[in-house]
PDB file of N, CA and C in Angstrom:
ATOM      1  N   UNK A   1     -70.182 -18.402 -63.880  1.00  0.00           N
ATOM      2  CA  UNK A   1     -71.020 -18.985 -65.112  1.00  0.00           C
ATOM      3  C   UNK A   1     -72.104 -19.389 -64.184  1.00  0.00           C
ATOM      4  N   UNK A   2     -73.272 -18.680 -64.768  1.00  0.00           N
ATOM      5  CA  UNK A   2     -74.849 -18.765 -64.283  1.00  0.00           C
ATOM      6  C   UNK A   2     -75.370 -19.655 -65.227  1.00  0.00           C
ATOM      7  N   UNK A   3     -74.867 -20.232 -66.206  1.00  0.00           N
ATOM      8  CA  UNK A   3     -75.647 -20.726 -67.373  1.00  0.00           C
ATOM      9  C   UNK A   3     -76.193 -21.876 -66.969  1.00  0.00           C
ATOM     10  N   UNK A   4     -77.680 -22.543 -67.420  1.00  0.00           N
ATOM     11  CA  UNK A   4     -78.547 -23.457 -66.846  1.00  0.00           C
ATOM     12  C   UNK A   4     -77.261 -24.710 -67.468  1.00  0.00           C
ATOM     13  N   UNK A   5     -77.030 -24.840 -68.875  1.00  0.00           N
ATOM     14  CA  UNK A   5     -75.950 -25.441 -69.432  1.00  0.00           C
ATOM     15  C   UNK A   5     -74.869 -26.402 -69.102  1.00  0.00           C
ATOM     16  N   UNK A   6     -74.359 -25.440 -67.363  1.00  0.00           N
ATOM     17  CA  UNK A   6     -73.503 -25.686 -66.828  1.00  0.00           C
ATOM     18  C   UNK A   6     -73.570 -25.955 -65.378  1.00  0.00           C
ATOM     19  N   UNK A   7     -74.537 -25.839 -64.931  1.00  0.00           N
ATOM     20  CA  UNK A   7     -75.496 -26.280 -63.883  1.00  0.00           C
ATOM     21  C   UNK A   7     -75.420 -27.455 -63.608  1.00  0.00           C
ATOM     22  N   UNK A   8     -75.146 -27.940 -62.681  1.00  0.00           N
ATOM     23  CA  UNK A   8     -75.401 -29.593 -62.089  1.00  0.00           C
ATOM     24  C   UNK A   8     -76.784 -30.452 -62.061  1.00  0.00           C
ATOM     25  N   UNK A   9     -77.892 -28.852 -61.542  1.00  0.00           N
ATOM     26  CA  UNK A   9     -78.873 -29.994 -61.331  1.00  0.00           C
ATOM     27  C   UNK A   9     -80.087 -30.071 -62.561  1.00  0.00           C
ATOM     28  N   UNK A  10     -81.231 -30.710 -62.365  1.00  0.00           N
ATOM     29  CA  UNK A  10     -82.037 -30.785 -63.385  1.00  0.00           C
ATOM     30  C   UNK A  10     -81.678 -31.807 -64.659  1.00  0.00           C
ATOM     31  N   UNK A  11     -82.680 -32.534 -65.341  1.00  0.00           N
ATOM     32  CA  UNK A  11     -82.456 -33.478 -66.516  1.00  0.00           C
ATOM     33  C   UNK A  11     -82.711 -32.360 -67.352  1.00  0.00           C
ATOM     34  N   UNK A  12     -82.075 -32.989 -68.758  1.00  0.00           N
ATOM     35  CA  UNK A  12     -82.312 -32.581 -69.868  1.00  0.00           C
ATOM     36  C   UNK A  12     -82.661 -34.046 -71.291  1.00  0.00           C
ATOM     37  N   UNK A  13     -83.336 -33.424 -72.359  1.00  0.00           N
ATOM     38  CA  UNK A  13     -84.098 -34.527 -72.815  1.00  0.00           C
ATOM     39  C   UNK A  13     -82.676 -34.810 -73.581  1.00  0.00           C
ATOM     40  N   UNK A  14     -82.940 -35.923 -75.080  1.00  0.00           N
ATOM     41  CA  UNK A  14     -81.824 -36.242 -76.029  1.00  0.00           C
ATOM     42  C   UNK A  14     -81.469 -34.599 -76.817  1.00  0.00           C
ATOM     43  N   UNK A  15     -82.760 -34.833 -77.307  1.00  0.00           N
ATOM     44  CA  UNK A  15     -82.469 -33.176 -78.357  1.00  0.00           C
ATOM     45  C   UNK A  15     -81.371 -32.546 -77.752  1.00  0.00           C
ATOM     46  N   UNK A  16     -81.872 -31.752 -76.244  1.00  0.00           N
ATOM     47  CA  UNK A  16     -80.868 -30.632 -75.863  1.00  0.00           C
ATOM     48  C   UNK A  16     -79.339 -31.236 -75.330  1.00  0.00           C
ATOM     49  N   UNK A  17     -79.592 -32.669 -75.458  1.00  0.00           N
ATOM     50  CA  UNK A  17     -78.266 -33.526 -75.059  1.00  0.00           C
ATOM     51  C   UNK A  17     -77.454 -33.493 -76.335  1.00  0.00           C
ATOM     52  N   UNK A  18     -77.854 -33.906 -77.599  1.00  0.00           N
ATOM     53  CA  UNK A  18     -77.464 -33.285 -78.758  1.00  0.00           C
ATOM     54  C   UNK A  18     -77.191 -32.452 -79.086  1.00  0.00           C
ATOM     55  N   UNK A  19     -77.611 -31.328 -78.923  1.00  0.00           N
ATOM     56  CA  UNK A  19     -77.123 -29.896 -79.228  1.00  0.00           C
ATOM     57  C   UNK A  19     -76.086 -29.975 -78.447  1.00  0.00           C
ATOM     58  N   UNK A  20     -76.381 -29.648 -76.868  1.00  0.00           N
ATOM     59  CA  UNK A  20     -75.394 -29.113 -75.871  1.00  0.00           C
ATOM     60  C   UNK A  20     -73.713 -30.189 -75.652  1.00  0.00           C
ATOM     61  N   UNK A  21     -74.649 -31.220 -75.378  1.00  0.00           N
ATOM     62  CA  UNK A  21     -73.463 -32.147 -74.213  1.00  0.00           C
ATOM     63  C   UNK A  21     -72.803 -33.270 -75.928  1.00  0.00           C
ATOM     64  N   UNK A  22     -73.326 -33.056 -77.344  1.00  0.00           N
ATOM     65  CA  UNK A  22     -72.274 -33.773 -78.037  1.00  0.00           C
ATOM     66  C   UNK A  22     -71.668 -32.929 -78.915  1.00  0.00           C
ATOM     67  N   UNK A  23     -72.289 -31.883 -79.402  1.00  0.00           N
ATOM     68  CA  UNK A  23     -71.738 -31.188 -80.725  1.00  0.00           C
ATOM     69  C   UNK A  23     -70.663 -30.278 -80.067  1.00  0.00           C
ATOM     70  N   UNK A  24     -70.909 -29.399 -78.647  1.00  0.00           N
ATOM     71  CA  UNK A  24     -69.835 -28.852 -77.977  1.00  0.00           C
ATOM     72  C   UNK A  24     -68.367 -29.602 -78.011  1.00  0.00           C
ATOM     73  N   UNK A  25     -68.258 -30.675 -77.367  1.00  0.00           N
ATOM     74  CA  UNK A  25     -67.316 -31.831 -77.131  1.00  0.00           C
ATOM     75  C   UNK A  25     -66.408 -32.058 -78.828  1.00  0.00           C
ATOM     76  N   UNK A  26     -67.209 -31.850 -79.325  1.00  0.00           N
ATOM     77  CA  UNK A  26     -67.079 -32.175 -81.113  1.00  0.00           C
ATOM     78  C   UNK A  26     -66.282 -30.771 -81.200  1.00  0.00           C
ATOM     79  N   UNK A  27     -66.730 -29.880 -81.317  1.00  0.00           N
ATOM     80  CA  UNK A  27     -65.915 -28.647 -81.729  1.00  0.00           C
ATOM     81  C   UNK A  27     -64.937 -28.309 -80.884  1.00  0.00           C
ATOM     82  N   UNK A  28     -64.875 -28.783 -79.498  1.00  0.00           N
ATOM     83  CA  UNK A  28     -63.392 -28.669 -78.545  1.00  0.00           C
ATOM     84  C   UNK A  28     -62.549 -29.940 -79.067  1.00  0.00           C
ATOM     85  N   UNK A  29     -62.696 -31.156 -79.626  1.00  0.00           N
ATOM     86  CA  UNK A  29     -62.005 -31.977 -80.137  1.00  0.00           C
ATOM     87  C   UNK A  29     -61.672 -31.436 -81.125  1.00  0.00           C
ATOM     88  N   UNK A  30     -62.065 -30.725 -82.128  1.00  0.00           N
ATOM     89  CA  UNK A  30     -62.002 -30.331 -83.395  1.00  0.00           C
ATOM     90  C   UNK A  30     -60.698 -29.043 -83.098  1.00  0.00           C
ATOM     91  N   UNK A  31     -60.891 -28.752 -82.191  1.00  0.00           N
ATOM     92  CA  UNK A  31     -59.732 -27.307 -81.729  1.00  0.00           C
ATOM     93  C   UNK A  31     -58.732 -28.075 -81.663  1.00  0.00           C
ATOM     94  N   UNK A  32     -58.688 -29.093 -80.381  1.00  0.00           N
ATOM     95  CA  UNK A  32     -57.682 -29.804 -80.392  1.00  0.00           C
ATOM     96  C   UNK A  32     -56.885 -30.154 -81.067  1.00  0.00           C
ATOM     97  N   UNK A  33     -57.558 -30.528 -82.328  1.00  0.00           N
ATOM     98  CA  UNK A  33     -56.833 -30.795 -83.073  1.00  0.00           C
ATOM     99  C   UNK A  33     -56.218 -30.218 -84.224  1.00  0.00           C
ATOM    100  N   UNK A  34     -56.843 -28.972 -84.126  1.00  0.00           N
ATOM    101  CA  UNK A  34     -56.403 -27.553 -85.229  1.00  0.00           C
ATOM    102  C   UNK A  34     -54.654 -27.313 -84.471  1.00  0.00           C
ATOM    103  N   UNK A  35     -55.411 -27.118 -82.912  1.00  0.00           N
ATOM    104  CA  UNK A  35     -54.405 -27.169 -82.353  1.00  0.00           C
ATOM    105  C   UNK A  35     -52.915 -27.618 -82.363  1.00  0.00           C
ATOM    106  N   UNK A  36     -52.924 -28.762 -82.472  1.00  0.00           N
ATOM    107  CA  UNK A  36     -52.186 -29.925 -82.416  1.00  0.00           C
ATOM    108  C   UNK A  36     -51.182 -29.731 -84.020  1.00  0.00           C
ATOM    109  N   UNK A  37     -52.029 -29.347 -84.868  1.00  0.00           N
ATOM    110  CA  UNK A  37     -51.790 -29.001 -85.810  1.00  0.00           C
ATOM    111  C   UNK A  37     -50.671 -27.565 -86.077  1.00  0.00           C
ATOM    112  N   UNK A  38     -51.037 -27.014 -85.643  1.00  0.00           N
ATOM    113  CA  UNK A  38     -50.633 -25.523 -85.594  1.00  0.00           C
ATOM    114  C   UNK A  38     -49.335 -25.974 -84.776  1.00  0.00           C
ATOM    115  N   UNK A  39     -49.315 -26.195 -84.019  1.00  0.00           N
ATOM    116  CA  UNK A  39     -47.906 -26.608 -82.757  1.00  0.00           C
ATOM    117  C   UNK A  39     -46.832 -27.313 -83.055  1.00  0.00           C
ATOM    118  N   UNK A  40     -47.340 -28.043 -84.664  1.00  0.00           N
ATOM    119  CA  UNK A  40     -46.421 -29.147 -85.198  1.00  0.00           C
ATOM    120  C   UNK A  40     -45.777 -28.202 -86.204  1.00  0.00           C
ATOM    121  N   UNK A  41     -46.776 -27.440 -86.951  1.00  0.00           N
ATOM    122  CA  UNK A  41     -46.057 -26.950 -87.648  1.00  0.00           C
ATOM    123  C   UNK A  41     -45.237 -25.071 -87.304  1.00  0.00           C
ATOM    124  N   UNK A  42     -45.523 -25.124 -85.728  1.00  0.00           N
ATOM    125  CA  UNK A  42     -44.925 -24.563 -85.284  1.00  0.00           C
ATOM    126  C   UNK A  42     -42.954 -24.723 -84.759  1.00  0.00           C
ATOM    127  N   UNK A  43     -43.119 -26.076 -84.898  1.00  0.00           N
ATOM    128  CA  UNK A  43     -41.976 -26.820 -84.486  1.00  0.00           C
ATOM    129  C   UNK A  43     -42.319 -27.312 -83.077  1.00  0.00           C
ATOM    130  N   UNK A  44     -43.303 -27.044 -82.607  1.00  0.00           N
ATOM    131  CA  UNK A  44     -43.414 -27.501 -81.019  1.00  0.00           C
ATOM    132  C   UNK A  44     -43.862 -29.199 -81.127  1.00  0.00           C
ATOM    133  N   UNK A  45     -43.621 -29.943 -80.779  1.00  0.00           N
ATOM    134  CA  UNK A  45     -43.842 -31.329 -80.491  1.00  0.00           C
ATOM    135  C   UNK A  45     -44.729 -31.747 -79.513  1.00  0.00           C
ATOM    136  N   UNK A  46     -44.826 -33.351 -79.274  1.00  0.00           N
ATOM    137  CA  UNK A  46     -45.173 -33.558 -77.772  1.00  0.00           C
ATOM    138  C   UNK A  46     -44.692 -33.490 -76.784  1.00  0.00           C
ATOM    139  N   UNK A  47     -43.482 -34.229 -77.169  1.00  0.00           N
ATOM    140  CA  UNK A  47     -42.329 -34.122 -76.614  1.00  0.00           C
ATOM    141  C   UNK A  47     -42.144 -32.873 -75.565  1.00  0.00           C
ATOM    142  N   UNK A  48     -42.185 -31.450 -76.353  1.00  0.00           N
ATOM    143  CA  UNK A  48     -42.178 -30.044 -75.648  1.00  0.00           C
ATOM    144  C   UNK A  48     -42.921 -29.922 -74.190  1.00  0.00           C
ATOM    145  N   UNK A  49     -42.557 -29.797 -73.539  1.00  0.00           N
ATOM    146  CA  UNK A  49     -43.670 -29.781 -72.210  1.00  0.00           C
ATOM    147  C   UNK A  49     -44.519 -28.077 -72.687  1.00  0.00           C
ATOM    148  N   UNK A  50     -44.677 -27.550 -73.224  1.00  0.00           N
ATOM    149  CA  UNK A  50     -45.704 -26.631 -73.660  1.00  0.00           C
ATOM    150  C   UNK A  50     -46.652 -27.630 -74.692  1.00  0.00           C
ATOM    151  N   UNK A  51     -46.271 -28.167 -75.520  1.00  0.00           N
ATOM    152  CA  UNK A  51     -46.850 -29.334 -76.069  1.00  0.00           C
ATOM    153  C   UNK A  51     -48.289 -30.015 -75.300  1.00  0.00           C
ATOM    154  N   UNK A  52     -47.536 -30.489 -74.309  1.00  0.00           N
ATOM    155  CA  UNK A  52     -48.054 -31.722 -73.379  1.00  0.00           C
ATOM    156  C   UNK A  52     -48.950 -30.914 -72.818  1.00  0.00           C
ATOM    157  N   UNK A  53     -48.595 -29.891 -72.350  1.00  0.00           N
ATOM    158  CA  UNK A  53     -49.684 -28.806 -71.614  1.00  0.00           C
ATOM    159  C   UNK A  53     -50.834 -28.422 -72.015  1.00  0.00           C
ATOM    160  N   UNK A  54     -50.886 -28.126 -73.523  1.00  0.00           N
ATOM    161  CA  UNK A  54     -51.437 -27.428 -74.241  1.00  0.00           C
ATOM    162  C   UNK A  54     -52.515 -28.818 -74.433  1.00  0.00           C
ATOM    163  N   UNK A  55     -52.256 -30.116 -74.979  1.00  0.00           N
ATOM    164  CA  UNK A  55     -53.140 -31.051 -75.355  1.00  0.00           C
ATOM    165  C   UNK A  55     -54.135 -31.065 -74.075  1.00  0.00           C
ATOM    166  N   UNK A  56     -52.978 -31.563 -72.503  1.00  0.00           N
ATOM    167  CA  UNK A  56     -53.729 -32.052 -71.656  1.00  0.00           C
ATOM    168  C   UNK A  56     -54.987 -31.156 -71.099  1.00  0.00           C
ATOM    169  N   UNK A  57     -54.415 -29.303 -71.401  1.00  0.00           N
ATOM    170  CA  UNK A  57     -55.662 -28.407 -70.599  1.00  0.00           C
ATOM    171  C   UNK A  57     -56.746 -28.692 -71.824  1.00  0.00           C
ATOM    172  N   UNK A  58     -56.462 -28.832 -72.909  1.00  0.00           N
ATOM    173  CA  UNK A  58     -58.079 -28.521 -74.078  1.00  0.00           C
ATOM    174  C   UNK A  58     -58.592 -30.428 -73.826  1.00  0.00           C
ATOM    175  N   UNK A  59     -58.078 -31.305 -73.663  1.00  0.00           N
ATOM    176  CA  UNK A  59     -58.877 -32.293 -73.301  1.00  0.00           C
ATOM    177  C   UNK A  59     -59.265 -32.069 -71.862  1.00  0.00           C
ATOM    178  N   UNK A  60     -59.038 -31.732 -70.660  1.00  0.00           N
ATOM    179  CA  UNK A  60     -59.595 -31.170 -69.490  1.00  0.00           C
ATOM    180  C   UNK A  60     -61.083 -30.528 -69.657  1.00  0.00           C
ATOM    181  N   UNK A  61     -60.401 -29.457 -70.786  1.00  0.00           N
ATOM    182  CA  UNK A  61     -61.420 -28.191 -70.945  1.00  0.00           C
ATOM    183  C   UNK A  61     -63.086 -29.368 -71.414  1.00  0.00           C
ATOM    184  N   UNK A  62     -62.389 -30.248 -72.612  1.00  0.00           N
ATOM    185  CA  UNK A  62     -63.673 -30.688 -73.205  1.00  0.00           C
ATOM    186  C   UNK A  62     -64.388 -31.712 -72.439  1.00  0.00           C
ATOM    187  N   UNK A  63     -63.625 -32.519 -71.838  1.00  0.00           N
ATOM    188  CA  UNK A  63     -64.552 -32.869 -70.495  1.00  0.00           C
ATOM    189  C   UNK A  63     -65.117 -32.427 -69.189  1.00  0.00           C
ATOM    190  N   UNK A  64     -64.608 -31.470 -68.728  1.00  0.00           N
ATOM    191  CA  UNK A  64     -65.424 -30.556 -68.065  1.00  0.00           C
ATOM    192  C   UNK A  64     -66.660 -29.909 -69.220  1.00  0.00           C
ATOM    193  N   UNK A  65     -66.532 -29.540 -70.366  1.00  0.00           N
ATOM    194  CA  UNK A  65     -68.110 -29.021 -71.026  1.00  0.00           C
ATOM    195  C   UNK A  65     -68.692 -30.333 -71.001  1.00  0.00           C
ATOM    196  N   UNK A  66     -68.436 -31.457 -71.281  1.00  0.00           N
ATOM    197  CA  UNK A  66     -69.088 -32.871 -71.524  1.00  0.00           C
ATOM    198  C   UNK A  66     -69.878 -33.026 -70.194  1.00  0.00           C
ATOM    199  N   UNK A  67     -69.515 -32.299 -69.023  1.00  0.00           N
ATOM    200  CA  UNK A  67     -69.768 -33.442 -67.606  1.00  0.00           C
ATOM    201  C   UNK A  67     -71.382 -32.878 -67.355  1.00  0.00           C
ATOM    202  N   UNK A  68     -71.467 -31.619 -67.158  1.00  0.00           N
ATOM    203  CA  UNK A  68     -72.752 -31.000 -66.944  1.00  0.00           C
ATOM    204  C   UNK A  68     -73.675 -31.749 -67.686  1.00  0.00           C
ATOM    205  N   UNK A  69     -73.721 -31.922 -69.292  1.00  0.00           N
ATOM    206  CA  UNK A  69     -75.104 -32.042 -69.960  1.00  0.00           C
ATOM    207  C   UNK A  69     -75.129 -34.052 -69.643  1.00  0.00           C
ATOM    208  N   UNK A  70     -73.865 -34.281 -69.264  1.00  0.00           N
ATOM    209  CA  UNK A  70     -74.095 -35.794 -69.204  1.00  0.00           C
ATOM    210  C   UNK A  70     -74.973 -36.737 -68.072  1.00  0.00           C
ATOM    211  N   UNK A  71     -74.439 -35.379 -66.958  1.00  0.00           N
ATOM    212  CA  UNK A  71     -75.030 -35.584 -65.656  1.00  0.00           C
ATOM    213  C   UNK A  71     -76.705 -35.361 -65.529  1.00  0.00           C
ATOM    214  N   UNK A  72     -77.282 -34.297 -66.343  1.00  0.00           N
ATOM    215  CA  UNK A  72     -78.511 -33.925 -66.656  1.00  0.00           C
ATOM    216  C   UNK A  72     -78.908 -35.258 -67.136  1.00  0.00           C
ATOM    217  N   UNK A  73     -78.430 -36.035 -68.020  1.00  0.00           N
ATOM    218  CA  UNK A  73     -78.777 -37.046 -69.214  1.00  0.00           C
ATOM    219  C   UNK A  73     -79.241 -37.750 -68.407  1.00  0.00           C
ATOM    220  N   UNK A  74     -78.153 -38.436 -67.811  1.00  0.00           N
ATOM    221  CA  UNK A  74     -77.922 -39.479 -66.638  1.00  0.00           C
ATOM    222  C   UNK A  74     -79.359 -39.420 -65.973  1.00  0.00           C
ATOM    223  N   UNK A  75     -79.561 -38.048 -65.323  1.00  0.00           N
ATOM    224  CA  UNK A  75     -80.620 -37.588 -64.629  1.00  0.00           C
ATOM    225  C   UNK A  75     -82.016 -38.044 -65.180  1.00  0.00           C
ATOM    226  N   UNK A  76     -81.721 -37.964 -66.555  1.00  0.00           N
ATOM    227  CA  UNK A  76     -83.063 -38.288 -67.586  1.00  0.00           C
ATOM    228  C   UNK A  76     -84.080 -39.721 -67.541  1.00  0.00           C
ATOM    229  N   UNK A  77     -82.294 -40.106 -67.556  1.00  0.00           N
ATOM    230  CA  UNK A  77     -82.287 -41.892 -68.107  1.00  0.00           C
ATOM    231  C   UNK A  77     -83.048 -42.488 -66.436  1.00  0.00           C
ATOM    232  N   UNK A  78     -82.534 -42.172 -65.817  1.00  0.00           N
ATOM    233  CA  UNK A  78     -83.029 -43.030 -64.317  1.00  0.00           C
ATOM    234  C   UNK A  78     -81.316 -43.530 -63.842  1.00  0.00           C
ATOM    235  N   UNK A  79     -80.234 -43.056 -64.155  1.00  0.00           N
ATOM    236  CA  UNK A  79     -79.166 -43.301 -63.941  1.00  0.00           C
ATOM    237  C   UNK A  79     -78.344 -42.612 -62.845  1.00  0.00           C
ATOM    238  N   UNK A  80     -77.611 -43.266 -61.739  1.00  0.00           N
ATOM    239  CA  UNK A  80     -76.736 -41.820 -61.233  1.00  0.00           C
ATOM    240  C   UNK A  80     -76.113 -40.968 -61.954  1.00  0.00           C
ATOM    241  N   UNK A  81     -75.830 -39.986 -62.040  1.00  0.00           N
ATOM    242  CA  UNK A  81     -75.140 -38.310 -62.112  1.00  0.00           C
ATOM    243  C   UNK A  81     -73.616 -38.878 -62.184  1.00  0.00           C
ATOM    244  N   UNK A  82     -73.145 -39.332 -61.068  1.00  0.00           N
ATOM    245  CA  UNK A  82     -71.666 -40.259 -61.022  1.00  0.00           C
ATOM    246  C   UNK A  82     -71.012 -40.601 -62.152  1.00  0.00           C
ATOM    247  N   UNK A  83     -72.228 -41.513 -62.968  1.00  0.00           N
ATOM    248  CA  UNK A  83     -71.788 -42.348 -64.057  1.00  0.00           C
ATOM    249  C   UNK A  83     -71.291 -41.113 -65.379  1.00  0.00           C
ATOM    250  N   UNK A  84     -70.944 -39.952 -64.861  1.00  0.00           N
ATOM    251  CA  UNK A  84     -70.828 -38.824 -65.934  1.00  0.00           C
ATOM    252  C   UNK A  84     -69.054 -38.891 -65.665  1.00  0.00           C
ATOM    253  N   UNK A  85     -68.695 -39.496 -65.012  1.00  0.00           N
ATOM    254  CA  UNK A  85     -67.116 -39.563 -65.284  1.00  0.00           C
ATOM    255  C   UNK A  85     -66.395 -40.268 -66.057  1.00  0.00           C
ATOM    256  N   UNK A  86     -67.896 -40.931 -66.635  1.00  0.00           N
ATOM    257  CA  UNK A  86     -67.198 -41.737 -68.232  1.00  0.00           C
ATOM    258  C   UNK A  86     -66.514 -41.157 -69.209  1.00  0.00           C
ATOM    259  N   UNK A  87     -67.016 -39.615 -68.966  1.00  0.00           N
ATOM    260  CA  UNK A  87     -66.498 -38.234 -69.949  1.00  0.00           C
ATOM    261  C   UNK A  87     -65.079 -38.639 -70.043  1.00  0.00           C
ATOM    262  N   UNK A  88     -64.619 -38.354 -68.790  1.00  0.00           N
ATOM    263  CA  UNK A  88     -62.552 -38.528 -68.704  1.00  0.00           C
ATOM    264  C   UNK A  88     -62.248 -39.761 -69.166  1.00  0.00           C
ATOM    265  N   UNK A  89     -62.967 -40.798 -69.597  1.00  0.00           N
ATOM    266  CA  UNK A  89     -62.035 -41.979 -69.652  1.00  0.00           C
ATOM    267  C   UNK A  89     -62.245 -42.303 -71.327  1.00  0.00           C
ATOM    268  N   UNK A  90     -60.759 -42.308 -71.686  1.00  0.00           N
ATOM    269  CA  UNK A  90     -60.884 -42.503 -73.471  1.00  0.00           C
ATOM    270  C   UNK A  90     -61.516 -43.993 -73.540  1.00  0.00           C
ATOM    271  N   UNK A  91     -62.357 -43.893 -75.123  1.00  0.00           N
ATOM    272  CA  UNK A  91     -63.070 -44.847 -75.598  1.00  0.00           C
ATOM    273  C   UNK A  91     -64.216 -44.851 -74.840  1.00  0.00           C
ATOM    274  N   UNK A  92     -64.206 -45.262 -73.555  1.00  0.00           N
ATOM    275  CA  UNK A  92     -65.671 -45.184 -72.609  1.00  0.00           C
ATOM    276  C   UNK A  92     -66.621 -43.931 -73.250  1.00  0.00           C
ATOM    277  N   UNK A  93     -66.140 -42.774 -73.199  1.00  0.00           N
ATOM    278  CA  UNK A  93     -66.555 -41.596 -73.570  1.00  0.00           C
ATOM    279  C   UNK A  93     -66.944 -41.451 -74.400  1.00  0.00           C
ATOM    280  N   UNK A  94     -66.682 -42.014 -75.982  1.00  0.00           N
ATOM    281  CA  UNK A  94     -67.555 -42.202 -77.072  1.00  0.00           C
ATOM    282  C   UNK A  94     -68.538 -43.128 -76.967  1.00  0.00           C
ATOM    283  N   UNK A  95     -68.824 -44.003 -76.215  1.00  0.00           N
ATOM    284  CA  UNK A  95     -69.943 -45.203 -75.892  1.00  0.00           C
ATOM    285  C   UNK A  95     -70.162 -44.510 -75.125  1.00  0.00           C
ATOM    286  N   UNK A  96     -69.946 -43.960 -73.871  1.00  0.00           N
ATOM    287  CA  UNK A  96     -70.896 -43.063 -73.068  1.00  0.00           C
ATOM    288  C   UNK A  96     -71.911 -42.003 -73.921  1.00  0.00           C
ATOM    289  N   UNK A  97     -71.334 -41.539 -74.514  1.00  0.00           N
ATOM    290  CA  UNK A  97     -71.479 -40.359 -75.805  1.00  0.00           C
ATOM    291  C   UNK A  97     -73.023 -40.824 -76.340  1.00  0.00           C
ATOM    292  N   UNK A  98     -72.674 -41.983 -77.253  1.00  0.00           N
ATOM    293  CA  UNK A  98     -73.354 -42.866 -77.861  1.00  0.00           C
ATOM    294  C   UNK A  98     -74.576 -43.199 -77.300  1.00  0.00           C
ATOM    295  N   UNK A  99     -74.629 -43.622 -76.220  1.00  0.00           N
ATOM    296  CA  UNK A  99     -75.709 -44.187 -75.321  1.00  0.00           C
ATOM    297  C   UNK A  99     -76.586 -43.169 -74.781  1.00  0.00           C
ATOM    298  N   UNK A 100     -75.783 -42.011 -74.744  1.00  0.00           N
ATOM    299  CA  UNK A 100     -76.415 -41.064 -73.927  1.00  0.00           C
ATOM    300  C   UNK A 100     -77.074 -40.244 -75.138  1.00  0.00           C
ATOM    301  N   UNK A 101     -77.153 -40.093 -76.143  1.00  0.00           N
ATOM    302  CA  UNK A 101     -77.928 -39.694 -77.396  1.00  0.00           C
ATOM    303  C   UNK A 101     -79.234 -40.486 -77.663  1.00  0.00           C
ATOM    304  N   UNK A 102     -78.723 -42.025 -77.601  1.00  0.00           N
ATOM    305  CA  UNK A 102     -79.968 -42.934 -77.936  1.00  0.00           C
ATOM    306  C   UNK A 102     -80.717 -43.360 -77.230  1.00  0.00           C
ATOM    307  N   UNK A 103     -80.385 -43.433 -76.084  1.00  0.00           N
ATOM    308  CA  UNK A 103     -80.756 -44.150 -74.916  1.00  0.00           C
ATOM    309  C   UNK A 103     -82.586 -43.092 -74.151  1.00  0.00           C
ATOM    310  N   UNK A 104     -83.691 -44.053 -74.584  1.00  0.00           N
ATOM    311  CA  UNK A 104     -85.198 -43.039 -73.956  1.00  0.00           C
ATOM    312  C   UNK A 104     -85.041 -42.054 -72.716  1.00  0.00           C
ATOM    313  N   UNK A 105     -85.857 -41.704 -72.645  1.00  0.00           N
ATOM    314  CA  UNK A 105     -85.545 -40.494 -71.104  1.00  0.00           C
ATOM    315  C   UNK A 105     -86.391 -41.634 -70.305  1.00  0.00           C
ATOM    316  N   UNK A 106     -86.949 -41.541 -68.916  1.00  0.00           N
ATOM    317  CA  UNK A 106     -87.997 -41.995 -68.236  1.00  0.00           C
ATOM    318  C   UNK A 106     -88.957 -41.082 -68.580  1.00  0.00           C
ATOM    319  N   UNK A 107     -90.496 -41.624 -68.747  1.00  0.00           N
ATOM    320  CA  UNK A 107     -91.324 -40.714 -68.284  1.00  0.00           C
ATOM    321  C   UNK A 107     -91.143 -40.300 -67.345  1.00  0.00           C
ATOM    322  N   UNK A 108     -91.826 -38.771 -66.714  1.00  0.00           N
ATOM    323  CA  UNK A 108     -92.146 -38.499 -65.703  1.00  0.00           C
ATOM    324  C   UNK A 108     -93.637 -38.950 -64.422  1.00  0.00           C
ATOM    325  N   UNK A 109     -93.418 -39.256 -63.426  1.00  0.00           N
ATOM    326  CA  UNK A 109     -93.875 -39.878 -62.124  1.00  0.00           C
ATOM    327  C   UNK A 109     -94.569 -38.385 -62.188  1.00  0.00           C
ATOM    328  N   UNK A 110     -96.533 -38.643 -62.589  1.00  0.00           N
ATOM    329  CA  UNK A 110     -96.930 -37.668 -61.729  1.00  0.00           C
ATOM    330  C   UNK A 110     -96.529 -37.574 -60.597  1.00  0.00           C
ATOM    331  N   UNK A 111     -96.385 -38.550 -59.145  1.00  0.00           N
ATOM    332  CA  UNK A 111     -96.156 -38.348 -58.117  1.00  0.00           C
ATOM    333  C   UNK A 111     -95.282 -37.549 -57.415  1.00  0.00           C
ATOM    334  N   UNK A 112     -94.112 -37.524 -58.471  1.00  0.00           N
ATOM    335  CA  UNK A 112     -92.877 -36.937 -58.436  1.00  0.00           C
ATOM    336  C   UNK A 112     -92.584 -35.104 -58.414  1.00  0.00           C
ATOM    337  N   UNK A 113     -93.631 -35.003 -59.654  1.00  0.00           N
ATOM    338  CA  UNK A 113     -93.951 -33.305 -60.641  1.00  0.00           C
ATOM    339  C   UNK A 113     -94.399 -32.905 -59.820  1.00  0.00           C
ATOM    340  N   UNK A 114     -93.625 -31.570 -59.642  1.00  0.00           N
ATOM    341  CA  UNK A 114     -94.693 -30.418 -59.317  1.00  0.00           C
ATOM    342  C   UNK A 114     -95.716 -29.377 -59.819  1.00  0.00           C
ATOM    343  N   UNK A 115     -96.920 -29.308 -59.395  1.00  0.00           N
ATOM    344  CA  UNK A 115     -97.679 -28.864 -60.732  1.00  0.00           C
ATOM    345  C   UNK A 115     -97.317 -26.912 -60.248  1.00  0.00           C
ATOM    346  N   UNK A 116     -97.514 -26.017 -61.609  1.00  0.00           N
ATOM    347  CA  UNK A 116     -97.194 -24.862 -61.478  1.00  0.00           C
ATOM    348  C   UNK A 116     -98.721 -24.167 -61.703  1.00  0.00           C
ATOM    349  N   UNK A 117     -99.311 -24.871 -61.331  1.00  0.00           N
ATOM    350  CA  UNK A 117    -100.469 -24.052 -61.869  1.00  0.00           C
ATOM    351  C   UNK A 117    -101.312 -23.371 -60.139  1.00  0.00           C
ATOM    352  N   UNK A 118    -101.859 -22.458 -60.413  1.00  0.00           N
ATOM    353  CA  UNK A 118    -102.412 -21.643 -59.263  1.00  0.00           C
ATOM    354  C   UNK A 118    -103.853 -22.378 -59.290  1.00  0.00           C
ATOM    355  N   UNK A 119    -104.240 -22.698 -57.666  1.00  0.00           N
ATOM    356  CA  UNK A 119    -105.445 -22.685 -57.677  1.00  0.00           C
ATOM    357  C   UNK A 119    -106.406 -21.935 -57.446  1.00  0.00           C
TER     358      UNK A 119
END
């Protein structure tokens, strides 16, 4: 996957994070909920190994999809990207997502930005 959304380098602003970092995990969570309902209707309960594997697999995929945008957004805020592991912690992931959506990014420092203008 060579998509800029799954690349861990760079920064993204709040709008991009909302579009990709918040909406996509919500869609994945909805898929998880629908999958659980379908599994229950088919007679697979959470005690079955297939049900448990499906739940954990979809939960892990949701976290992985949310990881790259969270790392980029944390860099935009000025925090360490390693704090993005919070997307894997239940309940804390919701709080982290809300903070990443509403916390304003740092303005670019002119001494660290590179100009693309040709002389």
